Amino acid sequence: MKKRALSIALIFVLMFTTLSTYAANGVEPKPKEADVITLNQWIQFDGFAIKFGDKAKWTKIEYGNHAGKDVFGIPVSVKNLTKEPKRLEKQHYITLGPNGKELLWADNEVQMPDRLWNIGKDDGEFAPGKTIKRHLYIAYEKDGEYTIRFERWNLDTVNIMFDVKKPK
């Protein structure tokens, strides 16, 4: 019992010393270089397997300050790889337009039942091994290269990059 308590105490001391060293010296863990992939490839992120398809569907925001804005929906499959119920949180991803700037979070603005934002909101946490298919709605700015960036604490980053051309 004493050995176990001593081991636990030693772990906490080592963790605190490591964190204190980072804070005192201004040294932080180096972010991992971002992985860059394209559509139709599976990625693993934060206990999920995620794949974006290449068949976009187009619509407009119907209500609010952004009413009338064009948006496109990218099909997405999300599978919970963990042994616990889990949510895919909005804070884990952003969308960037052709100019590299973060876009309006259109997934929240579009009144579509198949939007990715509903995972964990309307569905609640989803079960281990469960796969959900939805669309991630992205605000259209202009034709060009768009990015969906998944990031966790600036240490784990994946960029999904793809070209968008609005149909006539």
Foldseek 3Di string as FASTA:
>chain_A
DVVVVVVVVVVVVVVVVVVVVCVVVVNDDDADPAAEAAAPDWDDDPQKTKGWHDDKDKDAQCDDPRGPFIKIWIKMKIARADQAFAFDDPVQKFKAAQVRDTFDQCLVRHPDPQGNVCTCPVVNGDHHGDMHMGIRITTDDAWHKMWMWGDDPSRYIYIHIDTDHDDD
